Amino acid sequence: MTNEEFGLRVGCSESMASRLRSGDRRPGADLRDRIIKAFGYDRDLDALREVMEASASAETFGRFLRERVFKEVVST
């Protein structure tokens, strides 16, 4: 998924998608909720818990997006 596709799906700019993806920015509550709904995390309690915990820090949320949404292989 590209930053543009992500932005269109959740209703944010491509540049915001890039900042979220890189871990430079964490989502506000409204954007986080749109991401949860857009990717169906609200239908899976474990996934919902994971995204809620990840959104506490920009770096952790970026890693979550790269692994779960953008499907990148993230090395530790």
PDB file of N, CA and C in Angstrom:
ATOM      1  N   MET A   1       0.848  -1.168   0.000  1.00  0.00           N
ATOM      2  CA  MET A   1       0.000   0.000   0.000  1.00  0.00           C
ATOM      3  C   MET A   1       0.897   1.235   0.000  1.00  0.00           C
ATOM      4  N   THR A   2       0.528   2.201  -0.777  1.00  0.00           N
ATOM      5  CA  THR A   2       1.289   3.446  -0.845  1.00  0.00           C
ATOM      6  C   THR A   2       0.752   4.449   0.170  1.00  0.00           C
ATOM      7  N   ASN A   3       1.511   5.499   0.403  1.00  0.00           N
ATOM      8  CA  ASN A   3       1.041   6.575   1.285  1.00  0.00           C
ATOM      9  C   ASN A   3      -0.228   7.209   0.730  1.00  0.00           C
ATOM     10  N   GLU A   4      -0.282   7.353  -0.589  1.00  0.00           N
ATOM     11  CA  GLU A   4      -1.465   7.933  -1.219  1.00  0.00           C
ATOM     12  C   GLU A   4      -2.690   7.051  -0.989  1.00  0.00           C
ATOM     13  N   GLU A   5      -2.555   5.741  -1.193  1.00  0.00           N
ATOM     14  CA  GLU A   5      -3.673   4.815  -0.982  1.00  0.00           C
ATOM     15  C   GLU A   5      -4.126   4.842   0.482  1.00  0.00           C
ATOM     16  N   PHE A   6      -3.162   4.850   1.390  1.00  0.00           N
ATOM     17  CA  PHE A   6      -3.494   4.919   2.815  1.00  0.00           C
ATOM     18  C   PHE A   6      -4.264   6.205   3.111  1.00  0.00           C
ATOM     19  N   GLY A   7      -3.761   7.327   2.615  1.00  0.00           N
ATOM     20  CA  GLY A   7      -4.418   8.611   2.851  1.00  0.00           C
ATOM     21  C   GLY A   7      -5.840   8.643   2.337  1.00  0.00           C
ATOM     22  N   LEU A   8      -6.048   8.115   1.142  1.00  0.00           N
ATOM     23  CA  LEU A   8      -7.402   8.073   0.587  1.00  0.00           C
ATOM     24  C   LEU A   8      -8.309   7.187   1.427  1.00  0.00           C
ATOM     25  N   ARG A   9      -7.780   6.097   1.913  1.00  0.00           N
ATOM     26  CA  ARG A   9      -8.594   5.140   2.674  1.00  0.00           C
ATOM     27  C   ARG A   9      -9.001   5.683   4.043  1.00  0.00           C
ATOM     28  N   VAL A  10      -8.109   6.430   4.695  1.00  0.00           N
ATOM     29  CA  VAL A  10      -8.423   6.901   6.054  1.00  0.00           C
ATOM     30  C   VAL A  10      -8.775   8.379   6.113  1.00  0.00           C
ATOM     31  N   GLY A  11      -8.612   9.086   4.997  1.00  0.00           N
ATOM     32  CA  GLY A  11      -8.976  10.497   4.970  1.00  0.00           C
ATOM     33  C   GLY A  11      -7.906  11.413   5.537  1.00  0.00           C
ATOM     34  N   CYS A  12      -6.672  11.198   5.105  1.00  0.00           N
ATOM     35  CA  CYS A  12      -5.590  12.107   5.498  1.00  0.00           C
ATOM     36  C   CYS A  12      -4.720  12.371   4.271  1.00  0.00           C
ATOM     37  N   SER A  13      -3.848  13.346   4.386  1.00  0.00           N
ATOM     38  CA  SER A  13      -2.975  13.673   3.256  1.00  0.00           C
ATOM     39  C   SER A  13      -1.887  12.611   3.090  1.00  0.00           C
ATOM     40  N   GLU A  14      -1.320  12.596   1.911  1.00  0.00           N
ATOM     41  CA  GLU A  14      -0.211  11.686   1.638  1.00  0.00           C
ATOM     42  C   GLU A  14       0.978  12.008   2.543  1.00  0.00           C
ATOM     43  N   SER A  15       1.203  13.288   2.799  1.00  0.00           N
ATOM     44  CA  SER A  15       2.327  13.667   3.668  1.00  0.00           C
ATOM     45  C   SER A  15       2.082  13.237   5.112  1.00  0.00           C
ATOM     46  N   MET A  16       0.833  13.303   5.574  1.00  0.00           N
ATOM     47  CA  MET A  16       0.527  12.813   6.926  1.00  0.00           C
ATOM     48  C   MET A  16       0.739  11.306   6.983  1.00  0.00           C
ATOM     49  N   ALA A  17       0.313  10.606   5.951  1.00  0.00           N
ATOM     50  CA  ALA A  17       0.529   9.157   5.898  1.00  0.00           C
ATOM     51  C   ALA A  17       2.016   8.846   5.990  1.00  0.00           C
ATOM     52  N   SER A  18       2.816   9.605   5.290  1.00  0.00           N
ATOM     53  CA  SER A  18       4.264   9.405   5.318  1.00  0.00           C
ATOM     54  C   SER A  18       4.832   9.645   6.713  1.00  0.00           C
ATOM     55  N   ARG A  19       4.380  10.700   7.373  1.00  0.00           N
ATOM     56  CA  ARG A  19       4.871  11.001   8.728  1.00  0.00           C
ATOM     57  C   ARG A  19       4.445   9.935   9.725  1.00  0.00           C
ATOM     58  N   LEU A  20       3.226   9.429   9.583  1.00  0.00           N
ATOM     59  CA  LEU A  20       2.763   8.350  10.466  1.00  0.00           C
ATOM     60  C   LEU A  20       3.586   7.088  10.229  1.00  0.00           C
ATOM     61  N   ARG A  21       3.764   6.752   8.969  1.00  0.00           N
ATOM     62  CA  ARG A  21       4.480   5.542   8.565  1.00  0.00           C
ATOM     63  C   ARG A  21       5.925   5.548   9.054  1.00  0.00           C
ATOM     64  N   SER A  22       6.564   6.706   8.995  1.00  0.00           N
ATOM     65  CA  SER A  22       7.973   6.801   9.384  1.00  0.00           C
ATOM     66  C   SER A  22       8.158   6.891  10.893  1.00  0.00           C
ATOM     67  N   GLY A  23       7.065   7.098  11.631  1.00  0.00           N
ATOM     68  CA  GLY A  23       7.168   7.227  13.082  1.00  0.00           C
ATOM     69  C   GLY A  23       7.503   8.634  13.530  1.00  0.00           C
ATOM     70  N   ASP A  24       7.350   9.607  12.631  1.00  0.00           N
ATOM     71  CA  ASP A  24       7.599  10.998  12.990  1.00  0.00           C
ATOM     72  C   ASP A  24       6.398  11.645  13.658  1.00  0.00           C
ATOM     73  N   ARG A  25       5.244  11.031  13.518  1.00  0.00           N
ATOM     74  CA  ARG A  25       4.004  11.619  14.024  1.00  0.00           C
ATOM     75  C   ARG A  25       3.105  10.511  14.522  1.00  0.00           C
ATOM     76  N   ARG A  26       2.389  10.755  15.598  1.00  0.00           N
ATOM     77  CA  ARG A  26       1.381   9.789  16.031  1.00  0.00           C
ATOM     78  C   ARG A  26       0.011  10.374  15.730  1.00  0.00           C
ATOM     79  N   PRO A  27      -0.985   9.529  15.516  1.00  0.00           N
ATOM     80  CA  PRO A  27      -2.294  10.051  15.134  1.00  0.00           C
ATOM     81  C   PRO A  27      -3.034  10.644  16.323  1.00  0.00           C
ATOM     82  N   GLY A  28      -3.823  11.658  16.044  1.00  0.00           N
ATOM     83  CA  GLY A  28      -4.764  12.145  17.037  1.00  0.00           C
ATOM     84  C   GLY A  28      -5.890  11.131  17.178  1.00  0.00           C
ATOM     85  N   ALA A  29      -6.748  11.329  18.139  1.00  0.00           N
ATOM     86  CA  ALA A  29      -7.828  10.367  18.408  1.00  0.00           C
ATOM     87  C   ALA A  29      -8.739  10.175  17.198  1.00  0.00           C
ATOM     88  N   ASP A  30      -9.076  11.256  16.494  1.00  0.00           N
ATOM     89  CA  ASP A  30      -9.974  11.150  15.349  1.00  0.00           C
ATOM     90  C   ASP A  30      -9.338  10.331  14.221  1.00  0.00           C
ATOM     91  N   LEU A  31      -8.102  10.621  13.902  1.00  0.00           N
ATOM     92  CA  LEU A  31      -7.418   9.884  12.837  1.00  0.00           C
ATOM     93  C   LEU A  31      -7.197   8.435  13.249  1.00  0.00           C
ATOM     94  N   ARG A  32      -6.815   8.220  14.494  1.00  0.00           N
ATOM     95  CA  ARG A  32      -6.645   6.846  14.984  1.00  0.00           C
ATOM     96  C   ARG A  32      -7.943   6.060  14.818  1.00  0.00           C
ATOM     97  N   ASP A  33      -9.069   6.680  15.163  1.00  0.00           N
ATOM     98  CA  ASP A  33     -10.363   5.995  15.040  1.00  0.00           C
ATOM     99  C   ASP A  33     -10.709   5.704  13.584  1.00  0.00           C
ATOM    100  N   ARG A  34     -10.357   6.618  12.679  1.00  0.00           N
ATOM    101  CA  ARG A  34     -10.600   6.367  11.244  1.00  0.00           C
ATOM    102  C   ARG A  34      -9.740   5.220  10.740  1.00  0.00           C
ATOM    103  N   ILE A  35      -8.501   5.136  11.218  1.00  0.00           N
ATOM    104  CA  ILE A  35      -7.616   4.031  10.837  1.00  0.00           C
ATOM    105  C   ILE A  35      -8.182   2.716  11.346  1.00  0.00           C
ATOM    106  N   ILE A  36      -8.648   2.703  12.579  1.00  0.00           N
ATOM    107  CA  ILE A  36      -9.236   1.502  13.181  1.00  0.00           C
ATOM    108  C   ILE A  36     -10.406   1.013  12.338  1.00  0.00           C
ATOM    109  N   LYS A  37     -11.280   1.912  11.948  1.00  0.00           N
ATOM    110  CA  LYS A  37     -12.456   1.527  11.156  1.00  0.00           C
ATOM    111  C   LYS A  37     -12.073   1.130   9.727  1.00  0.00           C
ATOM    112  N   ALA A  38     -11.175   1.889   9.115  1.00  0.00           N
ATOM    113  CA  ALA A  38     -10.804   1.636   7.723  1.00  0.00           C
ATOM    114  C   ALA A  38     -10.173   0.262   7.527  1.00  0.00           C
ATOM    115  N   PHE A  39      -9.474  -0.223   8.546  1.00  0.00           N
ATOM    116  CA  PHE A  39      -8.791  -1.512   8.422  1.00  0.00           C
ATOM    117  C   PHE A  39      -9.456  -2.625   9.229  1.00  0.00           C
ATOM    118  N   GLY A  40     -10.642  -2.348   9.776  1.00  0.00           N
ATOM    119  CA  GLY A  40     -11.420  -3.378  10.454  1.00  0.00           C
ATOM    120  C   GLY A  40     -10.885  -3.814  11.806  1.00  0.00           C
ATOM    121  N   TYR A  41     -10.009  -3.011  12.406  1.00  0.00           N
ATOM    122  CA  TYR A  41      -9.471  -3.393  13.710  1.00  0.00           C
ATOM    123  C   TYR A  41     -10.539  -3.356  14.799  1.00  0.00           C
ATOM    124  N   ASP A  42     -11.641  -2.666  14.558  1.00  0.00           N
ATOM    125  CA  ASP A  42     -12.732  -2.619  15.529  1.00  0.00           C
ATOM    126  C   ASP A  42     -13.498  -3.932  15.608  1.00  0.00           C
ATOM    127  N   ARG A  43     -13.249  -4.847  14.675  1.00  0.00           N
ATOM    128  CA  ARG A  43     -13.929  -6.151  14.684  1.00  0.00           C
ATOM    129  C   ARG A  43     -13.088  -7.246  15.315  1.00  0.00           C
ATOM    130  N   ASP A  44     -11.876  -6.911  15.734  1.00  0.00           N
ATOM    131  CA  ASP A  44     -10.950  -7.881  16.312  1.00  0.00           C
ATOM    132  C   ASP A  44     -10.354  -7.269  17.571  1.00  0.00           C
ATOM    133  N   LEU A  45     -10.759  -7.778  18.730  1.00  0.00           N
ATOM    134  CA  LEU A  45     -10.332  -7.168  19.988  1.00  0.00           C
ATOM    135  C   LEU A  45      -8.823  -7.168  20.178  1.00  0.00           C
ATOM    136  N   ASP A  46      -8.148  -8.217  19.749  1.00  0.00           N
ATOM    137  CA  ASP A  46      -6.688  -8.245  19.879  1.00  0.00           C
ATOM    138  C   ASP A  46      -6.043  -7.177  18.994  1.00  0.00           C
ATOM    139  N   ALA A  47      -6.518  -7.040  17.777  1.00  0.00           N
ATOM    140  CA  ALA A  47      -5.980  -6.022  16.867  1.00  0.00           C
ATOM    141  C   ALA A  47      -6.308  -4.625  17.382  1.00  0.00           C
ATOM    142  N   LEU A  48      -7.507  -4.443  17.905  1.00  0.00           N
ATOM    143  CA  LEU A  48      -7.903  -3.157  18.460  1.00  0.00           C
ATOM    144  C   LEU A  48      -7.003  -2.785  19.636  1.00  0.00           C
ATOM    145  N   ARG A  49      -6.757  -3.721  20.508  1.00  0.00           N
ATOM    146  CA  ARG A  49      -5.875  -3.484  21.656  1.00  0.00           C
ATOM    147  C   ARG A  49      -4.474  -3.124  21.177  1.00  0.00           C
ATOM    148  N   GLU A  50      -3.996  -3.836  20.171  1.00  0.00           N
ATOM    149  CA  GLU A  50      -2.663  -3.584  19.637  1.00  0.00           C
ATOM    150  C   GLU A  50      -2.540  -2.178  19.054  1.00  0.00           C
ATOM    151  N   VAL A  51      -3.520  -1.750  18.270  1.00  0.00           N
ATOM    152  CA  VAL A  51      -3.450  -0.417  17.673  1.00  0.00           C
ATOM    153  C   VAL A  51      -3.587   0.669  18.738  1.00  0.00           C
ATOM    154  N   MET A  52      -4.402   0.437  19.749  1.00  0.00           N
ATOM    155  CA  MET A  52      -4.558   1.418  20.818  1.00  0.00           C
ATOM    156  C   MET A  52      -3.254   1.573  21.599  1.00  0.00           C
ATOM    157  N   GLU A  53      -2.603   0.467  21.905  1.00  0.00           N
ATOM    158  CA  GLU A  53      -1.326   0.524  22.617  1.00  0.00           C
ATOM    159  C   GLU A  53      -0.252   1.166  21.752  1.00  0.00           C
ATOM    160  N   ALA A  54      -0.227   0.836  20.470  1.00  0.00           N
ATOM    161  CA  ALA A  54       0.782   1.374  19.558  1.00  0.00           C
ATOM    162  C   ALA A  54       0.645   2.884  19.394  1.00  0.00           C
ATOM    163  N   SER A  55      -0.568   3.394  19.490  1.00  0.00           N
ATOM    164  CA  SER A  55      -0.784   4.823  19.242  1.00  0.00           C
ATOM    165  C   SER A  55      -0.276   5.709  20.379  1.00  0.00           C
ATOM    166  N   ALA A  56       0.247   5.116  21.432  1.00  0.00           N
ATOM    167  CA  ALA A  56       0.779   5.903  22.542  1.00  0.00           C
ATOM    168  C   ALA A  56       2.081   6.605  22.170  1.00  0.00           C
ATOM    169  N   SER A  57       2.799   6.084  21.186  1.00  0.00           N
ATOM    170  CA  SER A  57       4.062   6.718  20.765  1.00  0.00           C
ATOM    171  C   SER A  57       4.154   6.725  19.251  1.00  0.00           C
ATOM    172  N   ALA A  58       4.720   7.788  18.706  1.00  0.00           N
ATOM    173  CA  ALA A  58       4.845   7.918  17.254  1.00  0.00           C
ATOM    174  C   ALA A  58       5.691   6.795  16.671  1.00  0.00           C
ATOM    175  N   GLU A  59       6.798   6.485  17.323  1.00  0.00           N
ATOM    176  CA  GLU A  59       7.693   5.440  16.819  1.00  0.00           C
ATOM    177  C   GLU A  59       7.009   4.074  16.797  1.00  0.00           C
ATOM    178  N   THR A  60       6.314   3.752  17.872  1.00  0.00           N
ATOM    179  CA  THR A  60       5.615   2.468  17.958  1.00  0.00           C
ATOM    180  C   THR A  60       4.474   2.396  16.950  1.00  0.00           C
ATOM    181  N   PHE A  61       3.763   3.500  16.768  1.00  0.00           N
ATOM    182  CA  PHE A  61       2.664   3.500  15.813  1.00  0.00           C
ATOM    183  C   PHE A  61       3.193   3.366  14.389  1.00  0.00           C
ATOM    184  N   GLY A  62       4.295   4.029  14.092  1.00  0.00           N
ATOM    185  CA  GLY A  62       4.910   3.895  12.769  1.00  0.00           C
ATOM    186  C   GLY A  62       5.291   2.456  12.487  1.00  0.00           C
ATOM    187  N   ARG A  63       5.871   1.802  13.467  1.00  0.00           N
ATOM    188  CA  ARG A  63       6.244   0.393  13.304  1.00  0.00           C
ATOM    189  C   ARG A  63       5.000  -0.473  13.080  1.00  0.00           C
ATOM    190  N   PHE A  64       3.952  -0.220  13.852  1.00  0.00           N
ATOM    191  CA  PHE A  64       2.690  -0.938  13.683  1.00  0.00           C
ATOM    192  C   PHE A  64       2.182  -0.786  12.254  1.00  0.00           C
ATOM    193  N   LEU A  65       2.161   0.457  11.753  1.00  0.00           N
ATOM    194  CA  LEU A  65       1.676   0.685  10.389  1.00  0.00           C
ATOM    195  C   LEU A  65       2.552  -0.009   9.359  1.00  0.00           C
ATOM    196  N   ARG A  66       3.870   0.075   9.528  1.00  0.00           N
ATOM    197  CA  ARG A  66       4.757  -0.557   8.549  1.00  0.00           C
ATOM    198  C   ARG A  66       4.554  -2.060   8.511  1.00  0.00           C
ATOM    199  N   GLU A  67       4.350  -2.673   9.657  1.00  0.00           N
ATOM    200  CA  GLU A  67       4.175  -4.135   9.712  1.00  0.00           C
ATOM    201  C   GLU A  67       2.775  -4.578   9.315  1.00  0.00           C
ATOM    202  N   ARG A  68       1.756  -3.920   9.833  1.00  0.00           N
ATOM    203  CA  ARG A  68       0.385  -4.399   9.673  1.00  0.00           C
ATOM    204  C   ARG A  68      -0.358  -3.813   8.476  1.00  0.00           C
ATOM    205  N   VAL A  69      -0.079  -2.575   8.131  1.00  0.00           N
ATOM    206  CA  VAL A  69      -0.827  -1.907   7.070  1.00  0.00           C
ATOM    207  C   VAL A  69      -0.034  -1.860   5.770  1.00  0.00           C
ATOM    208  N   PHE A  70       1.207  -1.402   5.857  1.00  0.00           N
ATOM    209  CA  PHE A  70       2.019  -1.257   4.650  1.00  0.00           C
ATOM    210  C   PHE A  70       2.743  -2.565   4.305  1.00  0.00           C
ATOM    211  N   LYS A  71       2.666  -3.525   5.203  1.00  0.00           N
ATOM    212  CA  LYS A  71       3.199  -4.870   4.989  1.00  0.00           C
ATOM    213  C   LYS A  71       4.692  -4.879   4.674  1.00  0.00           C
ATOM    214  N   GLU A  72       5.427  -3.997   5.342  1.00  0.00           N
ATOM    215  CA  GLU A  72       6.877  -3.976   5.182  1.00  0.00           C
ATOM    216  C   GLU A  72       7.496  -4.956   6.157  1.00  0.00           C
ATOM    217  N   VAL A  73       8.624  -5.485   5.793  1.00  0.00           N
ATOM    218  CA  VAL A  73       9.389  -6.324   6.715  1.00  0.00           C
ATOM    219  C   VAL A  73      10.229  -5.353   7.540  1.00  0.00           C
ATOM    220  N   VAL A  74      10.027  -5.401   8.851  1.00  0.00           N
ATOM    221  CA  VAL A  74      10.710  -4.481   9.752  1.00  0.00           C
ATOM    222  C   VAL A  74      11.724  -5.260  10.554  1.00  0.00           C
ATOM    223  N   SER A  75      12.967  -4.878  10.444  1.00  0.00           N
ATOM    224  CA  SER A  75      14.002  -5.554  11.230  1.00  0.00           C
ATOM    225  C   SER A  75      14.123  -4.873  12.592  1.00  0.00           C
ATOM    226  N   THR A  76      14.501  -5.648  13.587  1.00  0.00           N
ATOM    227  CA  THR A  76      14.618  -5.096  14.936  1.00  0.00           C
ATOM    228  C   THR A  76      16.039  -4.780  15.286  1.00  0.00           C
TER     229      THR A  76
END
